[in-house]
Protein backbone atom coordinates (compact mmCIF):
# COMPACT_ATOMS: atom_id res chain seq x y z
CA UNK A 1 0.00 0.00 0.00
CA UNK A 2 1.39 3.40 -0.94
CA UNK A 3 1.26 6.42 1.30
CA UNK A 4 -1.38 8.11 -0.85
CA UNK A 5 -3.57 5.02 -0.77
CA UNK A 6 -3.37 5.05 3.02
CA UNK A 7 -4.17 8.79 3.14
CA UNK A 8 -7.16 8.24 0.85
CA UNK A 9 -8.39 5.31 2.93
CA UNK A 10 -8.16 7.33 6.14
CA UNK A 11 -10.02 10.24 4.51
CA UNK A 12 -12.82 7.96 3.29
CA UNK A 13 -13.06 6.32 6.71
CA UNK A 14 -13.21 9.74 8.39
CA UNK A 15 -16.04 10.91 6.14
CA UNK A 16 -17.89 7.62 6.67
CA UNK A 17 -17.63 7.91 10.44
CA UNK A 18 -18.84 11.51 10.34
CA UNK A 19 -21.86 10.38 8.35
CA UNK A 20 -22.62 7.32 10.45
CA UNK A 21 -22.54 9.16 13.78
CA UNK A 22 -25.60 11.38 13.25
CA UNK A 23 -27.47 8.50 11.59
CA UNK A 24 -26.95 6.26 14.61
CA UNK A 25 -27.74 8.95 17.19
CA UNK A 26 -30.93 10.04 15.45
CA UNK A 27 -31.07 13.53 17.00
CA UNK A 28 -30.22 12.42 20.54
CA UNK A 29 -27.72 14.41 22.57
CA UNK A 30 -24.44 12.86 23.64
CA UNK A 31 -23.97 12.43 27.39
CA UNK A 32 -22.05 15.31 29.03
CA UNK A 33 -19.11 13.05 29.89
CA UNK A 34 -18.78 11.94 26.26
CA UNK A 35 -18.96 15.54 25.00
CA UNK A 36 -16.25 16.53 27.48
CA UNK A 37 -14.01 13.67 26.38
CA UNK A 38 -14.47 14.54 22.71
CA UNK A 39 -13.67 18.20 23.41
CA UNK A 40 -10.40 17.20 25.09
CA UNK A 41 -9.39 14.73 22.38
CA UNK A 42 -8.23 17.28 19.77
CA UNK A 43 -5.83 19.16 22.09
CA UNK A 44 -4.41 15.86 23.34
CA UNK A 45 -3.76 14.66 19.78
CA UNK A 46 -2.19 18.00 18.87
CA UNK A 47 0.09 17.80 21.91
CA UNK A 48 1.13 14.31 20.85
CA UNK A 49 1.95 15.52 17.34
CA UNK A 50 4.04 18.38 18.77
CA UNK A 51 5.98 16.00 21.02
CA UNK A 52 6.69 13.64 18.13
CA UNK A 53 7.71 16.53 15.86
CA UNK A 54 10.05 17.99 18.50
CA UNK A 55 11.56 14.75 19.77
CA UNK A 56 12.00 13.02 16.43
CA UNK A 57 12.04 9.32 15.80
CA UNK A 58 12.87 7.30 18.93
CA UNK A 59 13.51 10.58 20.82
CA UNK A 60 16.87 10.82 19.04
CA UNK A 61 16.55 14.21 17.36
CA UNK A 62 15.63 16.60 20.16
CA UNK A 63 16.38 20.14 18.99
CA UNK A 64 17.08 22.57 21.82
CA UNK A 65 16.23 25.58 19.71
CA UNK A 66 12.73 24.25 19.07
CA UNK A 67 12.31 23.59 22.79
CA UNK A 68 13.28 27.21 23.42
CA UNK A 69 10.69 28.39 20.91
CA UNK A 70 8.02 26.23 22.52
CA UNK A 71 8.93 27.66 25.92
CA UNK A 72 8.51 31.20 24.58
CA UNK A 73 5.13 30.28 23.09
CA UNK A 74 4.03 28.76 26.40
CA UNK A 75 5.06 31.84 28.38
CA UNK A 76 3.32 34.16 25.93
CA UNK A 77 0.11 32.10 25.98
CA UNK A 78 0.13 31.93 29.77
CA UNK A 79 0.48 35.71 29.70
CA UNK A 80 -2.74 35.85 27.64
CA UNK A 81 -1.00 36.89 24.41
CA UNK A 82 -3.01 36.22 21.23
CA UNK A 83 -2.21 32.98 19.43
CA UNK A 84 -0.62 34.74 16.46
CA UNK A 85 1.67 36.75 18.74
CA UNK A 86 2.69 33.57 20.58
CA UNK A 87 3.42 31.79 17.31
CA UNK A 88 5.49 34.68 15.97
CA UNK A 89 7.37 34.90 19.26
CA UNK A 90 8.15 31.18 19.10
CA UNK A 91 9.37 31.46 15.52
CA UNK A 92 11.55 34.46 16.30
CA UNK A 93 12.97 32.84 19.44
CA UNK A 94 13.78 29.64 17.55
CA UNK A 95 15.43 31.57 14.72
CA UNK A 96 17.45 33.67 17.16
CA UNK A 97 18.59 30.59 19.08
CA UNK A 98 19.64 28.91 15.83
CA UNK A 99 21.65 31.96 14.80
CA UNK A 100 23.33 32.19 18.22
CA UNK A 101 24.15 28.48 18.45
CA UNK A 102 25.36 28.23 14.89
PDB file of N, CA and C in Angstrom:
ATOM      1  N   UNK A   1       0.849  -1.174   0.000  1.00  0.00           N
ATOM      2  CA  UNK A   1       0.000   0.000   0.000  1.00  0.00           C
ATOM      3  C   UNK A   1       0.896   1.239   0.000  1.00  0.00           C
ATOM      4  N   UNK A   2       0.606   2.167  -0.890  1.00  0.00           N
ATOM      5  CA  UNK A   2       1.385   3.395  -0.940  1.00  0.00           C
ATOM      6  C   UNK A   2       0.870   4.370   0.105  1.00  0.00           C
ATOM      7  N   UNK A   3       1.648   5.412   0.314  1.00  0.00           N
ATOM      8  CA  UNK A   3       1.257   6.425   1.296  1.00  0.00           C
ATOM      9  C   UNK A   3      -0.050   7.095   0.882  1.00  0.00           C
ATOM     10  N   UNK A   4      -0.179   7.406  -0.402  1.00  0.00           N
ATOM     11  CA  UNK A   4      -1.381   8.107  -0.853  1.00  0.00           C
ATOM     12  C   UNK A   4      -2.616   7.224  -0.774  1.00  0.00           C
ATOM     13  N   UNK A   5      -2.443   5.930  -0.953  1.00  0.00           N
ATOM     14  CA  UNK A   5      -3.569   5.018  -0.774  1.00  0.00           C
ATOM     15  C   UNK A   5      -4.016   5.021   0.683  1.00  0.00           C
ATOM     16  N   UNK A   6      -3.048   5.020   1.589  1.00  0.00           N
ATOM     17  CA  UNK A   6      -3.372   5.051   3.016  1.00  0.00           C
ATOM     18  C   UNK A   6      -4.057   6.365   3.386  1.00  0.00           C
ATOM     19  N   UNK A   7      -3.557   7.482   2.862  1.00  0.00           N
ATOM     20  CA  UNK A   7      -4.172   8.786   3.139  1.00  0.00           C
ATOM     21  C   UNK A   7      -5.607   8.811   2.617  1.00  0.00           C
ATOM     22  N   UNK A   8      -5.816   8.301   1.413  1.00  0.00           N
ATOM     23  CA  UNK A   8      -7.164   8.245   0.854  1.00  0.00           C
ATOM     24  C   UNK A   8      -8.092   7.361   1.670  1.00  0.00           C
ATOM     25  N   UNK A   9      -7.577   6.213   2.116  1.00  0.00           N
ATOM     26  CA  UNK A   9      -8.393   5.305   2.926  1.00  0.00           C
ATOM     27  C   UNK A   9      -8.788   5.951   4.250  1.00  0.00           C
ATOM     28  N   UNK A  10      -7.859   6.655   4.878  1.00  0.00           N
ATOM     29  CA  UNK A  10      -8.164   7.334   6.139  1.00  0.00           C
ATOM     30  C   UNK A  10      -9.184   8.449   5.914  1.00  0.00           C
ATOM     31  N   UNK A  11      -9.057   9.174   4.809  1.00  0.00           N
ATOM     32  CA  UNK A  11     -10.019  10.240   4.508  1.00  0.00           C
ATOM     33  C   UNK A  11     -11.418   9.668   4.294  1.00  0.00           C
ATOM     34  N   UNK A  12     -11.515   8.586   3.530  1.00  0.00           N
ATOM     35  CA  UNK A  12     -12.820   7.963   3.288  1.00  0.00           C
ATOM     36  C   UNK A  12     -13.410   7.447   4.593  1.00  0.00           C
ATOM     37  N   UNK A  13     -12.587   6.821   5.418  1.00  0.00           N
ATOM     38  CA  UNK A  13     -13.057   6.321   6.707  1.00  0.00           C
ATOM     39  C   UNK A  13     -13.541   7.467   7.598  1.00  0.00           C
ATOM     40  N   UNK A  14     -12.806   8.577   7.593  1.00  0.00           N
ATOM     41  CA  UNK A  14     -13.210   9.735   8.390  1.00  0.00           C
ATOM     42  C   UNK A  14     -14.557  10.283   7.953  1.00  0.00           C
ATOM     43  N   UNK A  15     -14.747  10.427   6.640  1.00  0.00           N
ATOM     44  CA  UNK A  15     -16.036  10.910   6.143  1.00  0.00           C
ATOM     45  C   UNK A  15     -17.155   9.928   6.469  1.00  0.00           C
ATOM     46  N   UNK A  16     -16.870   8.630   6.361  1.00  0.00           N
ATOM     47  CA  UNK A  16     -17.888   7.621   6.669  1.00  0.00           C
ATOM     48  C   UNK A  16     -18.296   7.690   8.140  1.00  0.00           C
ATOM     49  N   UNK A  17     -17.315   7.833   9.018  1.00  0.00           N
ATOM     50  CA  UNK A  17     -17.632   7.915  10.443  1.00  0.00           C
ATOM     51  C   UNK A  17     -18.420   9.172  10.772  1.00  0.00           C
ATOM     52  N   UNK A  18     -18.088  10.279  10.103  1.00  0.00           N
ATOM     53  CA  UNK A  18     -18.837  11.513  10.344  1.00  0.00           C
ATOM     54  C   UNK A  18     -20.282  11.381   9.866  1.00  0.00           C
ATOM     55  N   UNK A  19     -20.504  10.593   8.840  1.00  0.00           N
ATOM     56  CA  UNK A  19     -21.860  10.382   8.348  1.00  0.00           C
ATOM     57  C   UNK A  19     -22.639   9.376   9.165  1.00  0.00           C
ATOM     58  N   UNK A  20     -21.951   8.369   9.676  1.00  0.00           N
ATOM     59  CA  UNK A  20     -22.620   7.317  10.446  1.00  0.00           C
ATOM     60  C   UNK A  20     -23.046   7.823  11.822  1.00  0.00           C
ATOM     61  N   UNK A  21     -22.237   8.675  12.432  1.00  0.00           N
ATOM     62  CA  UNK A  21     -22.538   9.157  13.780  1.00  0.00           C
ATOM     63  C   UNK A  21     -23.921   9.763  13.918  1.00  0.00           C
ATOM     64  N   UNK A  22     -24.259  10.795  13.132  1.00  0.00           N
ATOM     65  CA  UNK A  22     -25.601  11.382  13.248  1.00  0.00           C
ATOM     66  C   UNK A  22     -26.715  10.393  12.891  1.00  0.00           C
ATOM     67  N   UNK A  23     -26.442   9.486  11.957  1.00  0.00           N
ATOM     68  CA  UNK A  23     -27.466   8.504  11.586  1.00  0.00           C
ATOM     69  C   UNK A  23     -27.767   7.565  12.750  1.00  0.00           C
ATOM     70  N   UNK A  24     -26.743   7.167  13.484  1.00  0.00           N
ATOM     71  CA  UNK A  24     -26.947   6.263  14.615  1.00  0.00           C
ATOM     72  C   UNK A  24     -27.575   6.971  15.812  1.00  0.00           C
ATOM     73  N   UNK A  25     -27.195   8.229  16.038  1.00  0.00           N
ATOM     74  CA  UNK A  25     -27.738   8.947  17.190  1.00  0.00           C
ATOM     75  C   UNK A  25     -29.183   9.379  16.970  1.00  0.00           C
ATOM     76  N   UNK A  26     -29.548   9.680  15.753  1.00  0.00           N
ATOM     77  CA  UNK A  26     -30.926  10.045  15.447  1.00  0.00           C
ATOM     78  C   UNK A  26     -31.438  11.261  16.188  1.00  0.00           C
ATOM     79  N   UNK A  27     -30.633  12.296  16.351  1.00  0.00           N
ATOM     80  CA  UNK A  27     -31.072  13.526  16.996  1.00  0.00           C
ATOM     81  C   UNK A  27     -30.903  13.541  18.498  1.00  0.00           C
ATOM     82  N   UNK A  28     -30.438  12.454  19.091  1.00  0.00           N
ATOM     83  CA  UNK A  28     -30.225  12.425  20.542  1.00  0.00           C
ATOM     84  C   UNK A  28     -28.943  13.169  20.886  1.00  0.00           C
ATOM     85  N   UNK A  29     -28.909  13.721  22.068  1.00  0.00           N
ATOM     86  CA  UNK A  29     -27.720  14.413  22.567  1.00  0.00           C
ATOM     87  C   UNK A  29     -26.738  13.401  23.153  1.00  0.00           C
ATOM     88  N   UNK A  30     -25.461  13.692  22.996  1.00  0.00           N
ATOM     89  CA  UNK A  30     -24.445  12.863  23.642  1.00  0.00           C
ATOM     90  C   UNK A  30     -24.432  13.157  25.138  1.00  0.00           C
ATOM     91  N   UNK A  31     -24.086  12.178  25.945  1.00  0.00           N
ATOM     92  CA  UNK A  31     -23.970  12.435  27.385  1.00  0.00           C
ATOM     93  C   UNK A  31     -22.887  13.484  27.663  1.00  0.00           C
ATOM     94  N   UNK A  32     -23.027  14.259  28.733  1.00  0.00           N
ATOM     95  CA  UNK A  32     -22.048  15.313  29.033  1.00  0.00           C
ATOM     96  C   UNK A  32     -20.617  14.782  29.150  1.00  0.00           C
ATOM     97  N   UNK A  33     -20.457  13.608  29.743  1.00  0.00           N
ATOM     98  CA  UNK A  33     -19.109  13.050  29.894  1.00  0.00           C
ATOM     99  C   UNK A  33     -18.481  12.747  28.527  1.00  0.00           C
ATOM    100  N   UNK A  34     -19.274  12.235  27.602  1.00  0.00           N
ATOM    101  CA  UNK A  34     -18.776  11.938  26.258  1.00  0.00           C
ATOM    102  C   UNK A  34     -18.417  13.224  25.528  1.00  0.00           C
ATOM    103  N   UNK A  35     -19.266  14.252  25.637  1.00  0.00           N
ATOM    104  CA  UNK A  35     -18.956  15.539  24.998  1.00  0.00           C
ATOM    105  C   UNK A  35     -17.671  16.124  25.552  1.00  0.00           C
ATOM    106  N   UNK A  36     -17.470  16.014  26.857  1.00  0.00           N
ATOM    107  CA  UNK A  36     -16.251  16.528  27.485  1.00  0.00           C
ATOM    108  C   UNK A  36     -15.023  15.787  26.973  1.00  0.00           C
ATOM    109  N   UNK A  37     -15.133  14.469  26.862  1.00  0.00           N
ATOM    110  CA  UNK A  37     -14.008  13.670  26.378  1.00  0.00           C
ATOM    111  C   UNK A  37     -13.680  14.020  24.928  1.00  0.00           C
ATOM    112  N   UNK A  38     -14.698  14.187  24.105  1.00  0.00           N
ATOM    113  CA  UNK A  38     -14.470  14.536  22.708  1.00  0.00           C
ATOM    114  C   UNK A  38     -13.849  15.927  22.575  1.00  0.00           C
ATOM    115  N   UNK A  39     -14.236  16.848  23.448  1.00  0.00           N
ATOM    116  CA  UNK A  39     -13.670  18.198  23.410  1.00  0.00           C
ATOM    117  C   UNK A  39     -12.195  18.192  23.793  1.00  0.00           C
ATOM    118  N   UNK A  40     -11.793  17.266  24.646  1.00  0.00           N
ATOM    119  CA  UNK A  40     -10.398  17.199  25.087  1.00  0.00           C
ATOM    120  C   UNK A  40      -9.529  16.351  24.164  1.00  0.00           C
ATOM    121  N   UNK A  41     -10.138  15.627  23.245  1.00  0.00           N
ATOM    122  CA  UNK A  41      -9.389  14.730  22.375  1.00  0.00           C
ATOM    123  C   UNK A  41      -8.498  15.486  21.390  1.00  0.00           C
ATOM    124  N   UNK A  42      -9.012  16.537  20.768  1.00  0.00           N
ATOM    125  CA  UNK A  42      -8.231  17.278  19.774  1.00  0.00           C
ATOM    126  C   UNK A  42      -6.978  17.917  20.376  1.00  0.00           C
ATOM    127  N   UNK A  43      -7.063  18.617  21.514  1.00  0.00           N
ATOM    128  CA  UNK A  43      -5.828  19.164  22.091  1.00  0.00           C
ATOM    129  C   UNK A  43      -4.828  18.085  22.495  1.00  0.00           C
ATOM    130  N   UNK A  44      -5.326  16.941  22.954  1.00  0.00           N
ATOM    131  CA  UNK A  44      -4.411  15.859  23.336  1.00  0.00           C
ATOM    132  C   UNK A  44      -3.688  15.306  22.116  1.00  0.00           C
ATOM    133  N   UNK A  45      -4.404  15.133  21.007  1.00  0.00           N
ATOM    134  CA  UNK A  45      -3.761  14.661  19.781  1.00  0.00           C
ATOM    135  C   UNK A  45      -2.756  15.682  19.263  1.00  0.00           C
ATOM    136  N   UNK A  46      -3.112  16.959  19.313  1.00  0.00           N
ATOM    137  CA  UNK A  46      -2.192  18.005  18.874  1.00  0.00           C
ATOM    138  C   UNK A  46      -0.931  18.010  19.725  1.00  0.00           C
ATOM    139  N   UNK A  47      -1.079  17.860  21.029  1.00  0.00           N
ATOM    140  CA  UNK A  47       0.089  17.800  21.913  1.00  0.00           C
ATOM    141  C   UNK A  47       0.967  16.606  21.566  1.00  0.00           C
ATOM    142  N   UNK A  48       0.351  15.482  21.256  1.00  0.00           N
ATOM    143  CA  UNK A  48       1.126  14.308  20.850  1.00  0.00           C
ATOM    144  C   UNK A  48       1.895  14.553  19.567  1.00  0.00           C
ATOM    145  N   UNK A  49       1.260  15.207  18.597  1.00  0.00           N
ATOM    146  CA  UNK A  49       1.951  15.524  17.345  1.00  0.00           C
ATOM    147  C   UNK A  49       3.132  16.463  17.586  1.00  0.00           C
ATOM    148  N   UNK A  50       2.947  17.443  18.460  1.00  0.00           N
ATOM    149  CA  UNK A  50       4.035  18.380  18.770  1.00  0.00           C
ATOM    150  C   UNK A  50       5.200  17.642  19.412  1.00  0.00           C
ATOM    151  N   UNK A  51       4.909  16.754  20.354  1.00  0.00           N
ATOM    152  CA  UNK A  51       5.980  15.999  21.020  1.00  0.00           C
ATOM    153  C   UNK A  51       6.742  15.156  20.014  1.00  0.00           C
ATOM    154  N   UNK A  52       6.027  14.476  19.125  1.00  0.00           N
ATOM    155  CA  UNK A  52       6.695  13.639  18.127  1.00  0.00           C
ATOM    156  C   UNK A  52       7.512  14.502  17.170  1.00  0.00           C
ATOM    157  N   UNK A  53       6.980  15.655  16.771  1.00  0.00           N
ATOM    158  CA  UNK A  53       7.711  16.530  15.858  1.00  0.00           C
ATOM    159  C   UNK A  53       8.964  17.098  16.510  1.00  0.00           C
ATOM    160  N   UNK A  54       8.892  17.406  17.795  1.00  0.00           N
ATOM    161  CA  UNK A  54      10.045  17.986  18.495  1.00  0.00           C
ATOM    162  C   UNK A  54      11.078  16.921  18.817  1.00  0.00           C
ATOM    163  N   UNK A  55      10.632  15.775  19.292  1.00  0.00           N
ATOM    164  CA  UNK A  55      11.558  14.747  19.769  1.00  0.00           C
ATOM    165  C   UNK A  55      12.157  13.931  18.637  1.00  0.00           C
ATOM    166  N   UNK A  56      11.487  13.824  17.523  1.00  0.00           N
ATOM    167  CA  UNK A  56      12.000  13.022  16.432  1.00  0.00           C
ATOM    168  C   UNK A  56      11.769  11.540  16.662  1.00  0.00           C
ATOM    169  N   UNK A  57      12.229  10.769  15.724  1.00  0.00           N
ATOM    170  CA  UNK A  57      12.040   9.320  15.804  1.00  0.00           C
ATOM    171  C   UNK A  57      12.849   8.747  16.958  1.00  0.00           C
ATOM    172  N   UNK A  58      12.227   7.953  17.773  1.00  0.00           N
ATOM    173  CA  UNK A  58      12.867   7.302  18.932  1.00  0.00           C
ATOM    174  C   UNK A  58      13.519   8.306  19.875  1.00  0.00           C
ATOM    175  N   UNK A  59      13.009   9.533  19.936  1.00  0.00           N
ATOM    176  CA  UNK A  59      13.510  10.577  20.825  1.00  0.00           C
ATOM    177  C   UNK A  59      14.995  10.860  20.572  1.00  0.00           C
ATOM    178  N   UNK A  60      15.446  10.675  19.347  1.00  0.00           N
ATOM    179  CA  UNK A  60      16.865  10.817  19.044  1.00  0.00           C
ATOM    180  C   UNK A  60      17.219  12.177  18.453  1.00  0.00           C
ATOM    181  N   UNK A  61      16.253  12.963  18.070  1.00  0.00           N
ATOM    182  CA  UNK A  61      16.549  14.206  17.362  1.00  0.00           C
ATOM    183  C   UNK A  61      15.996  15.423  18.096  1.00  0.00           C
ATOM    184  N   UNK A  62      16.150  15.469  19.399  1.00  0.00           N
ATOM    185  CA  UNK A  62      15.633  16.603  20.162  1.00  0.00           C
ATOM    186  C   UNK A  62      16.441  17.847  19.803  1.00  0.00           C
ATOM    187  N   UNK A  63      15.750  18.883  19.402  1.00  0.00           N
ATOM    188  CA  UNK A  63      16.382  20.136  18.989  1.00  0.00           C
ATOM    189  C   UNK A  63      16.140  21.175  20.081  1.00  0.00           C
ATOM    190  N   UNK A  64      17.196  21.609  20.726  1.00  0.00           N
ATOM    191  CA  UNK A  64      17.078  22.565  21.819  1.00  0.00           C
ATOM    192  C   UNK A  64      16.498  23.897  21.400  1.00  0.00           C
ATOM    193  N   UNK A  65      16.759  24.300  20.165  1.00  0.00           N
ATOM    194  CA  UNK A  65      16.225  25.581  19.710  1.00  0.00           C
ATOM    195  C   UNK A  65      14.703  25.529  19.593  1.00  0.00           C
ATOM    196  N   UNK A  66      14.179  24.398  19.164  1.00  0.00           N
ATOM    197  CA  UNK A  66      12.725  24.246  19.072  1.00  0.00           C
ATOM    198  C   UNK A  66      12.114  24.231  20.471  1.00  0.00           C
ATOM    199  N   UNK A  67      12.793  23.589  21.407  1.00  0.00           N
ATOM    200  CA  UNK A  67      12.306  23.594  22.789  1.00  0.00           C
ATOM    201  C   UNK A  67      12.271  25.014  23.345  1.00  0.00           C
ATOM    202  N   UNK A  68      13.275  25.816  22.999  1.00  0.00           N
ATOM    203  CA  UNK A  68      13.275  27.215  23.423  1.00  0.00           C
ATOM    204  C   UNK A  68      12.107  27.986  22.829  1.00  0.00           C
ATOM    205  N   UNK A  69      11.831  27.746  21.553  1.00  0.00           N
ATOM    206  CA  UNK A  69      10.688  28.392  20.913  1.00  0.00           C
ATOM    207  C   UNK A  69       9.368  27.983  21.535  1.00  0.00           C
ATOM    208  N   UNK A  70       9.241  26.700  21.853  1.00  0.00           N
ATOM    209  CA  UNK A  70       8.024  26.234  22.519  1.00  0.00           C
ATOM    210  C   UNK A  70       7.871  26.859  23.900  1.00  0.00           C
ATOM    211  N   UNK A  71       8.985  27.026  24.596  1.00  0.00           N
ATOM    212  CA  UNK A  71       8.935  27.656  25.920  1.00  0.00           C
ATOM    213  C   UNK A  71       8.459  29.103  25.807  1.00  0.00           C
ATOM    214  N   UNK A  72       8.946  29.814  24.793  1.00  0.00           N
ATOM    215  CA  UNK A  72       8.509  31.197  24.581  1.00  0.00           C
ATOM    216  C   UNK A  72       7.014  31.236  24.267  1.00  0.00           C
ATOM    217  N   UNK A  73       6.557  30.326  23.417  1.00  0.00           N
ATOM    218  CA  UNK A  73       5.128  30.275  23.089  1.00  0.00           C
ATOM    219  C   UNK A  73       4.294  29.997  24.332  1.00  0.00           C
ATOM    220  N   UNK A  74       4.762  29.093  25.169  1.00  0.00           N
ATOM    221  CA  UNK A  74       4.035  28.765  26.396  1.00  0.00           C
ATOM    222  C   UNK A  74       3.939  29.975  27.322  1.00  0.00           C
ATOM    223  N   UNK A  75       5.058  30.671  27.500  1.00  0.00           N
ATOM    224  CA  UNK A  75       5.063  31.840  28.380  1.00  0.00           C
ATOM    225  C   UNK A  75       4.135  32.925  27.830  1.00  0.00           C
ATOM    226  N   UNK A  76       4.180  33.139  26.531  1.00  0.00           N
ATOM    227  CA  UNK A  76       3.317  34.160  25.933  1.00  0.00           C
ATOM    228  C   UNK A  76       1.838  33.788  26.060  1.00  0.00           C
ATOM    229  N   UNK A  77       1.509  32.518  25.854  1.00  0.00           N
ATOM    230  CA  UNK A  77       0.108  32.105  25.976  1.00  0.00           C
ATOM    231  C   UNK A  77      -0.371  32.173  27.421  1.00  0.00           C
ATOM    232  N   UNK A  78       0.507  31.815  28.364  1.00  0.00           N
ATOM    233  CA  UNK A  78       0.127  31.927  29.772  1.00  0.00           C
ATOM    234  C   UNK A  78      -0.064  33.384  30.172  1.00  0.00           C
ATOM    235  N   UNK A  79       0.644  34.278  29.472  1.00  0.00           N
ATOM    236  CA  UNK A  79       0.477  35.710  29.703  1.00  0.00           C
ATOM    237  C   UNK A  79      -0.681  36.299  28.920  1.00  0.00           C
ATOM    238  N   UNK A  80      -1.526  35.439  28.362  1.00  0.00           N
ATOM    239  CA  UNK A  80      -2.736  35.849  27.638  1.00  0.00           C
ATOM    240  C   UNK A  80      -2.448  36.573  26.326  1.00  0.00           C
ATOM    241  N   UNK A  81      -1.290  36.308  25.720  1.00  0.00           N
ATOM    242  CA  UNK A  81      -1.001  36.887  24.408  1.00  0.00           C
ATOM    243  C   UNK A  81      -1.859  36.174  23.359  1.00  0.00           C
ATOM    244  N   UNK A  82      -2.252  36.879  22.306  1.00  0.00           N
ATOM    245  CA  UNK A  82      -3.006  36.221  21.230  1.00  0.00           C
ATOM    246  C   UNK A  82      -2.181  35.096  20.597  1.00  0.00           C
ATOM    247  N   UNK A  83      -2.881  34.143  20.006  1.00  0.00           N
ATOM    248  CA  UNK A  83      -2.211  32.976  19.433  1.00  0.00           C
ATOM    249  C   UNK A  83      -1.190  33.372  18.370  1.00  0.00           C
ATOM    250  N   UNK A  84      -1.542  34.316  17.510  1.00  0.00           N
ATOM    251  CA  UNK A  84      -0.620  34.741  16.457  1.00  0.00           C
ATOM    252  C   UNK A  84       0.649  35.353  17.046  1.00  0.00           C
ATOM    253  N   UNK A  85       0.510  36.142  18.084  1.00  0.00           N
ATOM    254  CA  UNK A  85       1.673  36.746  18.745  1.00  0.00           C
ATOM    255  C   UNK A  85       2.549  35.659  19.358  1.00  0.00           C
ATOM    256  N   UNK A  86       1.926  34.667  19.984  1.00  0.00           N
ATOM    257  CA  UNK A  86       2.692  33.574  20.584  1.00  0.00           C
ATOM    258  C   UNK A  86       3.427  32.770  19.517  1.00  0.00           C
ATOM    259  N   UNK A  87       2.773  32.539  18.392  1.00  0.00           N
ATOM    260  CA  UNK A  87       3.421  31.792  17.309  1.00  0.00           C
ATOM    261  C   UNK A  87       4.593  32.573  16.733  1.00  0.00           C
ATOM    262  N   UNK A  88       4.392  33.859  16.499  1.00  0.00           N
ATOM    263  CA  UNK A  88       5.485  34.681  15.969  1.00  0.00           C
ATOM    264  C   UNK A  88       6.638  34.769  16.963  1.00  0.00           C
ATOM    265  N   UNK A  89       6.324  34.891  18.239  1.00  0.00           N
ATOM    266  CA  UNK A  89       7.368  34.901  19.260  1.00  0.00           C
ATOM    267  C   UNK A  89       8.157  33.605  19.276  1.00  0.00           C
ATOM    268  N   UNK A  90       7.469  32.484  19.129  1.00  0.00           N
ATOM    269  CA  UNK A  90       8.146  31.185  19.102  1.00  0.00           C
ATOM    270  C   UNK A  90       9.054  31.064  17.885  1.00  0.00           C
ATOM    271  N   UNK A  91       8.561  31.523  16.740  1.00  0.00           N
ATOM    272  CA  UNK A  91       9.373  31.460  15.515  1.00  0.00           C
ATOM    273  C   UNK A  91      10.608  32.342  15.647  1.00  0.00           C
ATOM    274  N   UNK A  92      10.412  33.552  16.146  1.00  0.00           N
ATOM    275  CA  UNK A  92      11.548  34.463  16.303  1.00  0.00           C
ATOM    276  C   UNK A  92      12.554  33.941  17.326  1.00  0.00           C
ATOM    277  N   UNK A  93      12.069  33.385  18.421  1.00  0.00           N
ATOM    278  CA  UNK A  93      12.972  32.838  19.437  1.00  0.00           C
ATOM    279  C   UNK A  93      13.756  31.656  18.886  1.00  0.00           C
ATOM    280  N   UNK A  94      13.089  30.787  18.145  1.00  0.00           N
ATOM    281  CA  UNK A  94      13.777  29.638  17.551  1.00  0.00           C
ATOM    282  C   UNK A  94      14.829  30.097  16.552  1.00  0.00           C
ATOM    283  N   UNK A  95      14.470  31.066  15.706  1.00  0.00           N
ATOM    284  CA  UNK A  95      15.432  31.570  14.724  1.00  0.00           C
ATOM    285  C   UNK A  95      16.625  32.224  15.408  1.00  0.00           C
ATOM    286  N   UNK A  96      16.367  33.015  16.434  1.00  0.00           N
ATOM    287  CA  UNK A  96      17.454  33.671  17.158  1.00  0.00           C
ATOM    288  C   UNK A  96      18.365  32.645  17.828  1.00  0.00           C
ATOM    289  N   UNK A  97      17.776  31.633  18.445  1.00  0.00           N
ATOM    290  CA  UNK A  97      18.589  30.591  19.078  1.00  0.00           C
ATOM    291  C   UNK A  97      19.429  29.837  18.051  1.00  0.00           C
ATOM    292  N   UNK A  98      18.875  29.603  16.873  1.00  0.00           N
ATOM    293  CA  UNK A  98      19.641  28.905  15.830  1.00  0.00           C
ATOM    294  C   UNK A  98      20.792  29.761  15.321  1.00  0.00           C
ATOM    295  N   UNK A  99      20.569  31.071  15.222  1.00  0.00           N
ATOM    296  CA  UNK A  99      21.655  31.959  14.799  1.00  0.00           C
ATOM    297  C   UNK A  99      22.750  31.997  15.863  1.00  0.00           C
ATOM    298  N   UNK A 100      22.355  32.082  17.129  1.00  0.00           N
ATOM    299  CA  UNK A 100      23.334  32.185  18.216  1.00  0.00           C
ATOM    300  C   UNK A 100      24.113  30.893  18.438  1.00  0.00           C
ATOM    301  N   UNK A 101      23.462  29.750  18.211  1.00  0.00           N
ATOM    302  CA  UNK A 101      24.145  28.476  18.452  1.00  0.00           C
ATOM    303  C   UNK A 101      24.839  27.940  17.214  1.00  0.00           C
ATOM    304  N   UNK A 102      24.646  28.603  16.105  1.00  0.00           N
ATOM    305  CA  UNK A 102      25.357  28.230  14.888  1.00  0.00           C
ATOM    306  C   UNK A 102      24.751  27.065  14.237  1.00  0.00           C
TER     307      UNK A 102
END
